[in-house]
Structures are given as C-alpha cells and as structure tokens.
C-alpha cells in the first residue's frame, strides 16, 4: 500500500514538473546505433550542461567543470546521460534531471506484439557508484482486449542497471580523455 502511495505521489510530482529539454520526436526504431533507438545518446544535450552548451546551469551560475561530475544538477550527469542512451528505444513519459527520475511510456517490441514494457529509472545521487542507479521494469501481457500484469525476472533490472553503469563509465572516461 505504501509503495502505491509513493508511486502515485512521485508520478503526480513528476507530471507537475515535466521537463521540456528532451526531444521525443524520434521514431521508435532505427537499427543503426543501438538496435532500437535513433540516437545512442540523449537528444539535444551536450556533454557539459543539462540543456546544452551555456544552458540552464550557466544561467544560474553553475560551474561548467563542476557539472561534468553531476554536482551542477541533482544527480550524476554520466548516469543521467547513460540512462537516457540505454532507454532511447522507448518513448519517454517523463524525465526529471534534478530529481533523477526517468519514466518511460509503454513500449511493445515488434517481435512480441502480445506484451509490452515500461521502465522507471531512479538515479540516487551525484556520484558514479554501482548502487547509484535503480531500474524498475514492468511487463504486461495481452489477454483478449485487456493488458494483464506479468512477472519480470530480477535479472532484467540488474542487466539494465549494469548496462547503464557501463555506459556511464565510458562517458566519464571519454570526458577525461577530452580534457587531457
């Protein structure tokens, strides 16, 4: 019961503070990069700030060097960008870079039309740590005209978390190589 209240409260809060920095105009499929999403990274964002070069962090006096590690926003910027890149094949319902929450809309893979998936990603802090990202995966199967909740293997969430962490490490390494 408490989980339902928390999820409903969180969803309501996210709806009130929707982020307009994400471009959802890409198609669901483009096999060129990730096998699903059009882009391998978040659309319209640079490596330095939340909303592009000289964006919102600069507007409020954010330090460009500090934002690289995530201290300019509420969460680690590498985890944030890696999460968006990993989920780029799914339509976004909500994304809050200050609270570190990404919520996707339902997505039906073309190879399994009888089921659909939804994911919530929670980035828990400003440091790039193994426990800094949590992924919740929801699955539904079609029964007649209705969608019925179905179980998801625990390894699915863990595998997505590991993929996000791996991508975040690559982004951090690339940023360090660029600055040297």
Protein backbone atom coordinates (compact mmCIF):
# COMPACT_ATOMS: atom_id res chain seq x y z
CA UNK A 1 0.00 0.00 0.00
CA UNK A 2 2.82 2.39 0.90
CA UNK A 3 4.55 1.60 -2.39
CA UNK A 4 1.41 2.50 -4.35
CA UNK A 5 1.06 5.79 -2.48
CA UNK A 6 4.75 6.56 -3.08
CA UNK A 7 4.50 5.77 -6.79
CA UNK A 8 1.31 7.83 -7.17
CA UNK A 9 2.85 10.76 -5.29
CA UNK A 10 6.03 10.56 -7.32
CA UNK A 11 4.09 10.34 -10.58
CA UNK A 12 1.96 13.36 -9.64
CA UNK A 13 5.04 15.36 -8.73
CA UNK A 14 6.72 14.45 -12.00
CA UNK A 15 3.67 15.44 -14.01
CA UNK A 16 3.71 18.84 -12.34
CA UNK A 17 7.39 19.38 -13.08
CA UNK A 18 7.65 17.97 -16.60
CA UNK A 19 10.95 18.62 -18.33
CA UNK A 20 10.90 20.15 -21.80
CA UNK A 21 14.60 19.56 -22.58
CA UNK A 22 14.04 16.09 -24.05
CA UNK A 23 13.16 15.71 -27.73
CA UNK A 24 10.80 12.76 -28.21
CA UNK A 25 10.31 13.27 -31.94
CA UNK A 26 12.49 10.34 -32.97
CA UNK A 27 11.00 7.11 -34.24
CA UNK A 28 10.90 4.06 -32.03
CA UNK A 29 13.25 2.09 -34.25
CA UNK A 30 16.49 2.77 -36.03
CA UNK A 31 18.76 -0.23 -36.18
CA UNK A 32 21.84 1.89 -36.97
CA UNK A 33 23.03 2.62 -33.43
CA UNK A 34 21.58 0.71 -30.51
CA UNK A 35 19.37 -1.70 -32.36
CA UNK A 36 16.30 0.24 -31.30
CA UNK A 37 16.66 3.97 -30.71
CA UNK A 38 17.51 6.64 -33.23
CA UNK A 39 20.35 8.04 -31.16
CA UNK A 40 22.93 6.38 -29.00
CA UNK A 41 22.68 9.26 -26.55
CA UNK A 42 20.14 11.78 -25.32
CA UNK A 43 18.74 14.06 -27.95
CA UNK A 44 19.71 17.73 -27.87
CA UNK A 45 22.02 17.60 -24.87
CA UNK A 46 25.70 18.45 -24.83
CA UNK A 47 28.28 16.90 -22.53
CA UNK A 48 28.55 19.96 -20.33
CA UNK A 49 25.12 21.11 -19.17
CA UNK A 50 21.57 19.93 -18.74
CA UNK A 51 20.16 21.86 -21.68
CA UNK A 52 23.14 22.28 -23.98
CA UNK A 53 26.19 24.47 -24.11
CA UNK A 54 25.59 27.57 -21.99
CA UNK A 55 22.20 26.26 -20.90
CA UNK A 56 20.35 26.33 -17.61
CA UNK A 57 23.38 25.60 -15.40
CA UNK A 58 25.28 28.56 -16.84
CA UNK A 59 22.17 30.72 -16.48
CA UNK A 60 22.07 30.05 -12.74
CA UNK A 61 25.81 30.38 -12.24
CA UNK A 62 26.67 26.68 -12.50
CA UNK A 63 30.33 25.90 -12.99
CA UNK A 64 30.99 24.07 -16.23
CA UNK A 65 33.72 21.91 -14.69
CA UNK A 66 31.55 21.01 -11.69
CA UNK A 67 28.66 19.93 -13.92
CA UNK A 68 30.81 17.24 -15.55
CA UNK A 69 30.58 15.10 -12.42
CA UNK A 70 26.97 15.91 -11.73
CA UNK A 71 27.28 18.45 -8.92
CA UNK A 72 25.53 21.14 -11.01
CA UNK A 73 22.35 19.04 -11.14
CA UNK A 74 20.78 16.85 -8.54
CA UNK A 75 22.24 13.62 -9.91
CA UNK A 76 25.36 12.32 -11.63
CA UNK A 77 25.38 13.60 -15.20
CA UNK A 78 27.10 10.49 -16.55
CA UNK A 79 24.44 8.21 -15.06
CA UNK A 80 21.73 10.56 -16.36
CA UNK A 81 23.04 10.56 -19.93
CA UNK A 82 23.78 6.82 -19.86
CA UNK A 83 20.23 6.11 -18.67
CA UNK A 84 18.73 8.17 -21.48
CA UNK A 85 21.00 6.48 -24.02
CA UNK A 86 20.13 3.00 -22.74
CA UNK A 87 16.38 3.72 -22.85
CA UNK A 88 16.48 5.67 -26.12
CA UNK A 89 14.41 2.99 -27.90
CA UNK A 90 11.46 3.58 -25.57
CA UNK A 91 9.12 6.59 -25.61
CA UNK A 92 9.66 8.86 -22.61
CA UNK A 93 6.74 9.77 -20.42
CA UNK A 94 8.69 11.96 -18.00
CA UNK A 95 12.29 12.93 -17.30
CA UNK A 96 13.46 14.99 -14.32
CA UNK A 97 17.23 15.68 -14.38
CA UNK A 98 17.16 17.41 -10.99
CA UNK A 99 15.32 14.62 -9.19
CA UNK A 100 16.98 11.87 -11.23
CA UNK A 101 13.82 10.11 -12.37
CA UNK A 102 13.11 8.82 -15.87
CA UNK A 103 9.74 7.24 -16.62
CA UNK A 104 9.04 5.63 -19.97
CA UNK A 105 5.71 5.06 -21.60
CA UNK A 106 4.56 1.55 -22.53
CA UNK A 107 6.59 0.02 -25.34
CA UNK A 108 5.65 -3.02 -27.43
CA UNK A 109 8.55 -4.73 -29.22
CA UNK A 110 7.60 -5.71 -32.79
CA UNK A 111 8.75 -9.30 -32.25
CA UNK A 112 6.39 -9.79 -29.28
CA UNK A 113 3.16 -7.94 -30.01
CA UNK A 114 1.36 -9.67 -27.15
CA UNK A 115 3.40 -7.98 -24.43
CA UNK A 116 4.57 -4.50 -23.50
CA UNK A 117 7.12 -2.98 -21.16
CA UNK A 118 7.51 0.16 -19.07
CA UNK A 119 10.58 1.24 -17.12
CA UNK A 120 11.35 3.66 -14.33
CA UNK A 121 14.95 4.68 -13.68
CA UNK A 122 15.97 6.30 -10.42
CA UNK A 123 19.41 7.92 -10.14
CA UNK A 124 20.16 8.16 -6.46
CA UNK A 125 22.98 10.64 -6.11
CA UNK A 126 25.74 12.77 -7.56
CA UNK A 127 28.45 10.12 -7.54
CA UNK A 128 29.06 7.43 -10.12
CA UNK A 129 28.61 4.36 -7.95
CA UNK A 130 27.33 0.85 -8.55
CA UNK A 131 24.36 1.49 -6.27
CA UNK A 132 23.66 4.90 -7.81
CA UNK A 133 21.01 3.72 -10.27
CA UNK A 134 17.90 1.58 -9.79
CA UNK A 135 15.73 0.33 -12.66
CA UNK A 136 12.16 -0.90 -12.20
CA UNK A 137 10.77 -2.90 -15.13
CA UNK A 138 7.07 -3.53 -15.60
CA UNK A 139 5.64 -6.05 -18.07
CA UNK A 140 2.11 -6.70 -19.24
CA UNK A 141 0.68 -9.43 -21.47
CA UNK A 142 -2.40 -9.17 -23.64
CA UNK A 143 -5.33 -11.33 -22.54
CA UNK A 144 -8.16 -10.75 -25.01
CA UNK A 145 -8.69 -6.99 -25.15
CA UNK A 146 -7.05 -6.33 -21.77
CA UNK A 147 -3.47 -5.93 -20.57
CA UNK A 148 -2.62 -8.06 -17.54
CA UNK A 149 0.44 -7.57 -15.31
CA UNK A 150 3.10 -10.22 -15.82
CA UNK A 151 6.22 -11.11 -13.88
CA UNK A 152 9.67 -9.82 -14.79
CA UNK A 153 12.88 -11.64 -13.97
CA UNK A 154 15.03 -9.86 -11.38
CA UNK A 155 17.99 -10.23 -13.74
CA UNK A 156 16.28 -7.93 -16.25
CA UNK A 157 16.55 -4.93 -13.93
CA UNK A 158 20.07 -5.87 -12.87
CA UNK A 159 21.20 -6.24 -16.50
CA UNK A 160 19.77 -2.81 -17.37
CA UNK A 161 21.45 -1.24 -14.34
CA UNK A 162 24.77 -2.81 -15.38
CA UNK A 163 24.38 -1.55 -18.94
CA UNK A 164 23.70 1.99 -17.66
CA UNK A 165 26.71 1.84 -15.32
CA UNK A 166 28.96 0.59 -18.12
CA UNK A 167 27.82 3.38 -20.44
CA UNK A 168 28.30 5.97 -17.67
CA UNK A 169 31.87 4.78 -17.10
CA UNK A 170 32.56 5.10 -20.84
CA UNK A 171 31.17 8.65 -20.83
CA UNK A 172 33.32 9.58 -17.83
CA UNK A 173 36.42 8.08 -19.41
CA UNK A 174 35.75 9.91 -22.70
CA UNK A 175 35.32 13.20 -20.82
CA UNK A 176 38.63 12.72 -19.01
CA UNK A 177 40.43 11.89 -22.25
CA UNK A 178 38.95 15.02 -23.89
CA UNK A 179 40.16 17.29 -21.08
CA UNK A 180 43.74 15.96 -21.21
